[in-house]
């Protein structure tokens, strides 16, 4: 069987009004205004994960109802903890420049003692906290394979 995989960067926006509505639907006791930036991003991810295909389509930029002005502003928080998603919290009332999306995030490390070379996915990892898995030697960062895409 010959399957084709097409990777495409898709921008999905969950507006504050959509988040409020989803929060109310969940029936939580906390006031929406008390949610932290991290909680808002997790709530948006949950809404997207639970959305039907029709609902998901309504969140796509330049399709349906969502427009670029809903993602233009200052990034006030971001979450890169999942290598398959880059989540940003944007304040559209503040000026800001578009961020870069990191894809294929890999950090290349090499052992100073034995020369063993390997990659890790966490590009924010401090190499000084790691040791060579082969001989326990000190490591040096030899490359950062993060591909960056401008959002403009």
N, C-alpha and C. Protein backbone atom coordinates (compact mmCIF):
# COMPACT_ATOMS: atom_id res chain seq x y z
N UNK A 1 0.85 -1.17 0.00
CA UNK A 1 0.00 0.00 0.00
C UNK A 1 0.89 1.24 0.00
N UNK A 2 0.58 2.18 -0.83
CA UNK A 2 1.35 3.42 -0.91
C UNK A 2 0.49 4.56 -0.40
N UNK A 3 0.76 4.97 0.82
CA UNK A 3 0.03 6.08 1.41
C UNK A 3 0.85 7.35 1.27
N UNK A 4 0.18 8.47 1.14
CA UNK A 4 0.85 9.76 1.01
C UNK A 4 0.55 10.58 2.25
N UNK A 5 1.59 11.09 2.87
CA UNK A 5 1.45 11.98 4.01
C UNK A 5 1.78 13.39 3.55
N UNK A 6 0.87 14.31 3.76
CA UNK A 6 1.12 15.71 3.42
C UNK A 6 1.09 16.49 4.73
N UNK A 7 2.22 17.09 5.08
CA UNK A 7 2.28 17.92 6.27
C UNK A 7 2.02 19.36 5.86
N UNK A 8 1.10 20.00 6.56
CA UNK A 8 0.74 21.37 6.24
C UNK A 8 0.60 22.14 7.55
N UNK A 9 1.12 23.35 7.54
CA UNK A 9 0.94 24.21 8.71
C UNK A 9 -0.47 24.80 8.64
N UNK A 10 -1.26 24.53 9.65
CA UNK A 10 -2.62 25.05 9.71
C UNK A 10 -2.73 25.92 10.95
N UNK A 11 -3.28 27.11 10.80
CA UNK A 11 -3.47 28.00 11.94
C UNK A 11 -4.91 27.89 12.42
N UNK A 12 -5.04 27.56 13.68
CA UNK A 12 -6.34 27.38 14.31
C UNK A 12 -6.46 28.44 15.39
N UNK A 13 -7.55 29.18 15.39
CA UNK A 13 -7.75 30.20 16.42
C UNK A 13 -9.01 29.86 17.21
N UNK A 14 -8.88 30.02 18.52
CA UNK A 14 -10.03 29.90 19.41
C UNK A 14 -10.16 31.27 20.06
N UNK A 15 -11.22 31.99 19.72
CA UNK A 15 -11.38 33.35 20.23
C UNK A 15 -11.79 33.33 21.70
N UNK A 16 -11.63 34.48 22.33
CA UNK A 16 -12.01 34.59 23.74
C UNK A 16 -13.49 34.25 23.92
N UNK A 17 -14.33 34.70 23.01
CA UNK A 17 -15.77 34.39 23.11
C UNK A 17 -16.03 32.90 22.98
N UNK A 18 -15.31 32.23 22.08
CA UNK A 18 -15.46 30.78 21.94
C UNK A 18 -15.00 30.06 23.21
N UNK A 19 -13.89 30.54 23.79
CA UNK A 19 -13.39 29.94 25.03
C UNK A 19 -14.39 30.12 26.17
N UNK A 20 -14.96 31.33 26.27
CA UNK A 20 -15.97 31.58 27.31
C UNK A 20 -17.16 30.63 27.17
N UNK A 21 -17.62 30.47 25.94
CA UNK A 21 -18.76 29.60 25.67
C UNK A 21 -18.44 28.15 26.02
N UNK A 22 -17.25 27.69 25.64
CA UNK A 22 -16.83 26.32 25.94
C UNK A 22 -16.70 26.13 27.45
N UNK A 23 -16.13 27.11 28.14
CA UNK A 23 -15.96 27.05 29.60
C UNK A 23 -17.33 26.95 30.28
N UNK A 24 -18.28 27.75 29.80
CA UNK A 24 -19.63 27.73 30.36
C UNK A 24 -20.30 26.38 30.11
N UNK A 25 -20.09 25.83 28.92
CA UNK A 25 -20.66 24.52 28.56
C UNK A 25 -20.12 23.41 29.47
N UNK A 26 -18.84 23.55 29.88
CA UNK A 26 -18.24 22.55 30.77
C UNK A 26 -18.83 22.62 32.18
N UNK A 27 -19.44 23.77 32.52
CA UNK A 27 -20.11 23.91 33.81
C UNK A 27 -19.16 24.05 34.98
N UNK A 28 -18.03 24.71 34.78
CA UNK A 28 -17.07 24.89 35.87
C UNK A 28 -17.51 25.98 36.83
N UNK A 29 -17.12 25.83 38.10
CA UNK A 29 -17.50 26.79 39.13
C UNK A 29 -16.64 28.05 39.10
N UNK A 30 -15.41 27.93 38.64
CA UNK A 30 -14.52 29.09 38.59
C UNK A 30 -15.00 30.10 37.56
N UNK A 31 -14.76 31.37 37.84
CA UNK A 31 -15.06 32.43 36.87
C UNK A 31 -14.03 32.37 35.75
N UNK A 32 -14.48 32.57 34.53
CA UNK A 32 -13.59 32.53 33.36
C UNK A 32 -12.43 33.51 33.53
N UNK A 33 -12.70 34.69 34.08
CA UNK A 33 -11.68 35.74 34.24
C UNK A 33 -10.54 35.32 35.15
N UNK A 34 -10.74 34.31 36.00
CA UNK A 34 -9.70 33.90 36.94
C UNK A 34 -8.72 32.90 36.32
N UNK A 35 -8.99 32.42 35.10
CA UNK A 35 -8.11 31.43 34.48
C UNK A 35 -6.76 32.05 34.13
N UNK A 36 -5.69 31.31 34.37
CA UNK A 36 -4.34 31.76 34.02
C UNK A 36 -4.12 31.59 32.52
N UNK A 37 -3.04 32.18 32.03
CA UNK A 37 -2.68 32.03 30.61
C UNK A 37 -2.53 30.55 30.25
N UNK A 38 -1.88 29.79 31.11
CA UNK A 38 -1.67 28.37 30.86
C UNK A 38 -3.00 27.62 30.81
N UNK A 39 -3.92 27.97 31.71
CA UNK A 39 -5.23 27.33 31.72
C UNK A 39 -6.03 27.66 30.46
N UNK A 40 -5.90 28.90 29.98
CA UNK A 40 -6.59 29.30 28.75
C UNK A 40 -6.08 28.50 27.56
N UNK A 41 -4.76 28.30 27.48
CA UNK A 41 -4.19 27.54 26.36
C UNK A 41 -4.63 26.08 26.43
N UNK A 42 -4.66 25.51 27.64
CA UNK A 42 -5.11 24.12 27.80
C UNK A 42 -6.60 23.98 27.45
N UNK A 43 -7.38 24.98 27.83
CA UNK A 43 -8.80 24.97 27.51
C UNK A 43 -9.01 25.01 25.99
N UNK A 44 -8.23 25.84 25.31
CA UNK A 44 -8.32 25.92 23.85
C UNK A 44 -7.95 24.59 23.21
N UNK A 45 -6.88 23.96 23.69
CA UNK A 45 -6.48 22.66 23.15
C UNK A 45 -7.58 21.62 23.37
N UNK A 46 -8.19 21.66 24.53
CA UNK A 46 -9.28 20.71 24.82
C UNK A 46 -10.45 20.95 23.88
N UNK A 47 -10.79 22.22 23.66
CA UNK A 47 -11.90 22.53 22.76
C UNK A 47 -11.62 22.00 21.35
N UNK A 48 -10.40 22.18 20.87
CA UNK A 48 -10.04 21.72 19.53
C UNK A 48 -10.06 20.18 19.48
N UNK A 49 -9.55 19.54 20.51
CA UNK A 49 -9.52 18.07 20.52
C UNK A 49 -10.91 17.46 20.57
N UNK A 50 -11.86 18.16 21.17
CA UNK A 50 -13.23 17.64 21.29
C UNK A 50 -14.14 18.11 20.16
N UNK A 51 -13.64 18.97 19.28
CA UNK A 51 -14.46 19.55 18.21
C UNK A 51 -14.76 18.53 17.11
N UNK A 52 -15.95 18.64 16.56
CA UNK A 52 -16.29 17.84 15.38
C UNK A 52 -15.58 18.46 14.18
N UNK A 53 -15.60 17.79 13.05
CA UNK A 53 -14.95 18.34 11.85
C UNK A 53 -15.57 19.67 11.45
N UNK A 54 -16.87 19.80 11.55
CA UNK A 54 -17.54 21.06 11.22
C UNK A 54 -17.13 22.16 12.19
N UNK A 55 -17.10 21.83 13.47
CA UNK A 55 -16.68 22.82 14.48
C UNK A 55 -15.22 23.20 14.27
N UNK A 56 -14.39 22.23 13.98
CA UNK A 56 -12.97 22.50 13.75
C UNK A 56 -12.78 23.43 12.56
N UNK A 57 -13.54 23.23 11.52
CA UNK A 57 -13.45 24.08 10.33
C UNK A 57 -13.75 25.54 10.67
N UNK A 58 -14.61 25.78 11.66
CA UNK A 58 -14.94 27.15 12.04
C UNK A 58 -13.81 27.85 12.79
N UNK A 59 -12.77 27.11 13.17
CA UNK A 59 -11.63 27.69 13.87
C UNK A 59 -10.45 27.98 12.94
N UNK A 60 -10.52 27.55 11.70
CA UNK A 60 -9.39 27.71 10.78
C UNK A 60 -9.32 29.13 10.22
N UNK A 61 -8.10 29.68 10.22
CA UNK A 61 -7.88 31.02 9.69
C UNK A 61 -8.13 31.01 8.18
N UNK A 62 -8.78 32.06 7.70
CA UNK A 62 -9.09 32.26 6.27
C UNK A 62 -10.03 31.20 5.72
N UNK A 63 -10.74 30.50 6.59
CA UNK A 63 -11.80 29.57 6.18
C UNK A 63 -12.97 29.82 7.10
N UNK A 64 -14.10 29.91 6.57
CA UNK A 64 -15.25 30.12 7.43
C UNK A 64 -15.24 31.51 8.04
N UNK A 65 -15.25 31.55 9.37
CA UNK A 65 -15.44 32.82 10.07
C UNK A 65 -14.15 33.48 10.54
N UNK A 66 -13.09 32.76 10.74
CA UNK A 66 -11.88 33.30 11.36
C UNK A 66 -11.03 34.08 10.35
N UNK A 67 -10.49 35.22 10.81
CA UNK A 67 -9.65 36.07 9.95
C UNK A 67 -8.32 36.36 10.64
N UNK A 68 -7.36 36.86 9.86
CA UNK A 68 -6.01 37.13 10.36
C UNK A 68 -5.98 38.13 11.51
N UNK A 69 -6.88 39.10 11.52
CA UNK A 69 -6.84 40.10 12.58
C UNK A 69 -7.10 39.49 13.96
N UNK A 70 -7.63 38.29 14.00
CA UNK A 70 -7.87 37.62 15.28
C UNK A 70 -6.61 36.99 15.86
N UNK A 71 -5.51 37.00 15.11
CA UNK A 71 -4.25 36.46 15.63
C UNK A 71 -3.13 37.50 15.58
N UNK A 72 -3.47 38.76 15.27
CA UNK A 72 -2.45 39.80 15.22
C UNK A 72 -2.45 40.55 16.54
N UNK A 73 -1.30 40.61 17.18
CA UNK A 73 -1.17 41.27 18.46
C UNK A 73 0.08 40.79 19.17
N UNK A 74 0.12 41.01 20.46
CA UNK A 74 1.29 40.63 21.26
C UNK A 74 1.10 39.23 21.84
N UNK A 75 2.12 38.39 21.64
CA UNK A 75 2.08 37.06 22.24
C UNK A 75 2.41 37.22 23.73
N UNK A 76 1.49 36.82 24.59
CA UNK A 76 1.71 36.97 26.03
C UNK A 76 2.04 35.66 26.72
N UNK A 77 1.85 34.55 26.02
CA UNK A 77 2.24 33.24 26.56
C UNK A 77 2.32 32.25 25.41
N UNK A 78 3.16 31.22 25.60
CA UNK A 78 3.24 30.16 24.59
C UNK A 78 3.54 28.84 25.26
N UNK A 79 3.21 27.77 24.56
CA UNK A 79 3.44 26.42 25.06
C UNK A 79 4.02 25.58 23.93
N UNK A 80 5.26 25.12 24.12
CA UNK A 80 5.93 24.25 23.16
C UNK A 80 6.14 22.85 23.73
N UNK A 81 5.39 22.50 24.76
CA UNK A 81 5.63 21.23 25.45
C UNK A 81 5.31 20.01 24.58
N UNK A 82 4.41 20.16 23.64
CA UNK A 82 4.07 19.06 22.73
C UNK A 82 4.75 19.34 21.39
N UNK A 83 5.62 18.45 20.91
CA UNK A 83 6.35 18.73 19.67
C UNK A 83 5.45 18.81 18.43
N UNK A 84 4.20 18.39 18.54
CA UNK A 84 3.29 18.44 17.38
C UNK A 84 2.45 19.71 17.34
N UNK A 85 2.50 20.52 18.41
CA UNK A 85 1.70 21.74 18.48
C UNK A 85 2.54 22.90 18.99
N UNK A 86 2.28 24.07 18.48
CA UNK A 86 2.85 25.31 19.01
C UNK A 86 1.64 26.16 19.37
N UNK A 87 1.45 26.42 20.66
CA UNK A 87 0.27 27.14 21.14
C UNK A 87 0.70 28.52 21.64
N UNK A 88 0.00 29.55 21.20
CA UNK A 88 0.29 30.92 21.62
C UNK A 88 -0.99 31.56 22.14
N UNK A 89 -0.83 32.39 23.17
CA UNK A 89 -1.93 33.22 23.66
C UNK A 89 -1.62 34.64 23.19
N UNK A 90 -2.50 35.19 22.36
CA UNK A 90 -2.28 36.49 21.74
C UNK A 90 -3.25 37.50 22.33
N UNK A 91 -2.71 38.67 22.72
CA UNK A 91 -3.55 39.79 23.14
C UNK A 91 -3.69 40.71 21.94
N UNK A 92 -4.86 40.70 21.32
CA UNK A 92 -5.06 41.48 20.10
C UNK A 92 -5.22 42.97 20.38
N UNK A 93 -5.33 43.35 21.66
CA UNK A 93 -5.40 44.77 22.01
C UNK A 93 -4.02 45.41 22.12
N UNK A 94 -2.97 44.59 22.07
CA UNK A 94 -1.60 45.10 22.17
C UNK A 94 -0.87 44.88 20.85
N UNK A 95 0.08 45.78 20.56
CA UNK A 95 0.91 45.65 19.36
C UNK A 95 1.92 44.53 19.56
N UNK A 96 2.21 43.82 18.50
CA UNK A 96 3.21 42.76 18.57
C UNK A 96 3.64 42.33 17.19
N UNK A 97 4.76 41.64 17.13
CA UNK A 97 5.26 41.12 15.86
C UNK A 97 4.98 39.63 15.79
N UNK A 98 4.71 39.12 14.59
CA UNK A 98 4.44 37.68 14.46
C UNK A 98 5.63 36.86 14.92
N UNK A 99 5.35 35.78 15.61
CA UNK A 99 6.42 34.90 16.07
C UNK A 99 6.78 33.91 14.97
N UNK A 100 7.80 33.12 15.23
CA UNK A 100 8.20 32.07 14.31
C UNK A 100 7.74 30.74 14.87
N UNK A 101 7.29 29.88 13.99
CA UNK A 101 6.87 28.55 14.40
C UNK A 101 8.05 27.61 14.22
N UNK A 102 8.35 26.85 15.26
CA UNK A 102 9.43 25.88 15.19
C UNK A 102 8.86 24.52 14.78
N UNK A 103 9.47 23.91 13.77
CA UNK A 103 9.07 22.56 13.38
C UNK A 103 10.31 21.69 13.35
N UNK A 104 10.12 20.41 13.46
CA UNK A 104 11.24 19.46 13.46
C UNK A 104 12.32 19.89 14.45
N UNK A 105 11.91 20.13 15.69
CA UNK A 105 12.83 20.62 16.72
C UNK A 105 13.72 19.49 17.22
N UNK A 106 14.98 19.58 16.89
CA UNK A 106 15.95 18.58 17.33
C UNK A 106 17.24 19.29 17.73
N UNK A 107 17.87 18.80 18.78
CA UNK A 107 19.14 19.32 19.24
C UNK A 107 20.17 18.21 19.07
N UNK A 108 21.27 18.51 18.37
CA UNK A 108 22.31 17.51 18.13
C UNK A 108 23.39 17.67 19.19
N UNK A 109 23.75 16.55 19.82
CA UNK A 109 24.77 16.55 20.86
C UNK A 109 25.87 15.56 20.50
N UNK A 110 27.09 15.89 20.96
CA UNK A 110 28.22 14.99 20.71
C UNK A 110 29.04 14.88 21.99
N UNK A 111 29.48 13.66 22.28
CA UNK A 111 30.30 13.40 23.46
C UNK A 111 31.72 13.88 23.20
N UNK A 112 32.28 14.63 24.14
CA UNK A 112 33.65 15.13 24.02
C UNK A 112 34.68 14.01 24.17
N UNK A 113 34.31 12.92 24.86
CA UNK A 113 35.26 11.83 25.12
C UNK A 113 35.28 10.80 23.98
N UNK A 114 34.11 10.22 23.67
CA UNK A 114 34.08 9.11 22.71
C UNK A 114 33.58 9.51 21.32
N UNK A 115 33.06 10.73 21.19
CA UNK A 115 32.58 11.20 19.89
C UNK A 115 31.18 10.73 19.52
N UNK A 116 30.50 10.01 20.44
CA UNK A 116 29.14 9.54 20.17
C UNK A 116 28.24 10.72 19.86
N UNK A 117 27.45 10.60 18.80
CA UNK A 117 26.60 11.67 18.32
C UNK A 117 25.14 11.22 18.41
N UNK A 118 24.24 12.09 18.94
CA UNK A 118 22.82 11.74 19.01
C UNK A 118 21.97 13.01 19.05
N UNK A 119 20.66 12.82 18.90
CA UNK A 119 19.71 13.92 18.86
C UNK A 119 18.70 13.79 19.99
N UNK A 120 18.22 14.94 20.49
CA UNK A 120 17.12 14.95 21.45
C UNK A 120 16.08 15.95 20.93
N UNK A 121 14.83 15.76 21.34
CA UNK A 121 13.76 16.63 20.86
C UNK A 121 13.65 17.93 21.63
N UNK A 122 14.08 17.98 22.86
CA UNK A 122 13.93 19.18 23.68
C UNK A 122 15.02 20.19 23.36
N UNK A 123 14.70 21.19 22.54
CA UNK A 123 15.72 22.18 22.13
C UNK A 123 16.05 23.16 23.25
N UNK A 124 15.27 23.17 24.32
CA UNK A 124 15.55 24.06 25.45
C UNK A 124 16.39 23.38 26.52
N UNK A 125 16.74 22.12 26.32
CA UNK A 125 17.50 21.34 27.29
C UNK A 125 18.90 21.94 27.46
N UNK A 126 19.35 22.02 28.70
CA UNK A 126 20.71 22.47 29.00
C UNK A 126 21.63 21.26 28.88
N UNK A 127 22.52 21.30 27.89
CA UNK A 127 23.42 20.16 27.63
C UNK A 127 24.31 19.85 28.83
N UNK A 128 24.56 20.83 29.69
CA UNK A 128 25.40 20.61 30.87
C UNK A 128 24.74 19.67 31.88
N UNK A 129 23.43 19.49 31.78
CA UNK A 129 22.73 18.60 32.72
C UNK A 129 22.69 17.16 32.21
N UNK A 130 23.19 16.93 31.00
CA UNK A 130 23.16 15.59 30.41
C UNK A 130 24.56 14.98 30.36
N UNK A 131 24.59 13.67 30.31
CA UNK A 131 25.86 12.96 30.09
C UNK A 131 25.69 12.01 28.92
N UNK A 132 26.79 11.61 28.35
CA UNK A 132 26.78 10.70 27.20
C UNK A 132 26.16 9.36 27.62
N UNK A 133 25.17 8.87 26.87
CA UNK A 133 24.57 7.58 27.21
C UNK A 133 25.51 6.40 26.98
N UNK A 134 26.58 6.62 26.23
CA UNK A 134 27.50 5.53 25.92
C UNK A 134 28.59 5.38 26.99
N UNK A 135 29.22 6.52 27.37
CA UNK A 135 30.33 6.41 28.32
C UNK A 135 30.26 7.39 29.50
N UNK A 136 29.18 8.18 29.58
CA UNK A 136 29.04 9.12 30.70
C UNK A 136 29.85 10.39 30.55
N UNK A 137 30.43 10.63 29.38
CA UNK A 137 31.25 11.82 29.15
C UNK A 137 30.45 13.10 29.00
N UNK A 138 31.18 14.21 28.98
CA UNK A 138 30.58 15.54 28.83
C UNK A 138 30.13 15.74 27.39
N UNK A 139 29.01 16.47 27.21
CA UNK A 139 28.43 16.68 25.89
C UNK A 139 28.58 18.11 25.41
N UNK A 140 28.63 18.26 24.10
CA UNK A 140 28.66 19.57 23.46
C UNK A 140 27.54 19.62 22.43
N UNK A 141 26.86 20.77 22.36
CA UNK A 141 25.83 20.95 21.33
C UNK A 141 26.54 21.19 20.01
N UNK A 142 26.25 20.35 19.02
CA UNK A 142 26.90 20.50 17.71
C UNK A 142 25.93 21.01 16.65
N UNK A 143 24.66 21.07 16.96
CA UNK A 143 23.71 21.58 15.98
C UNK A 143 22.31 21.70 16.54
N UNK A 144 21.58 22.63 15.98
CA UNK A 144 20.18 22.83 16.34
C UNK A 144 19.39 22.72 15.05
N UNK A 145 18.62 21.66 14.91
CA UNK A 145 17.90 21.40 13.67
C UNK A 145 16.50 21.98 13.66
N UNK A 146 16.27 23.04 14.40
CA UNK A 146 14.93 23.62 14.40
C UNK A 146 14.71 24.39 13.10
N UNK A 147 13.69 23.99 12.37
CA UNK A 147 13.31 24.72 11.17
C UNK A 147 12.31 25.77 11.60
N UNK A 148 12.50 27.00 11.16
CA UNK A 148 11.61 28.09 11.56
C UNK A 148 10.82 28.58 10.36
N UNK A 149 9.57 28.85 10.59
CA UNK A 149 8.69 29.38 9.55
C UNK A 149 8.11 30.68 10.06
N UNK A 150 8.29 31.76 9.31
CA UNK A 150 7.68 33.03 9.67
C UNK A 150 6.18 32.94 9.46
N UNK A 151 5.41 33.54 10.35
CA UNK A 151 3.96 33.46 10.25
C UNK A 151 3.38 34.55 9.36
N UNK A 152 4.19 35.44 8.81
CA UNK A 152 3.65 36.51 7.94
C UNK A 152 3.19 35.93 6.64
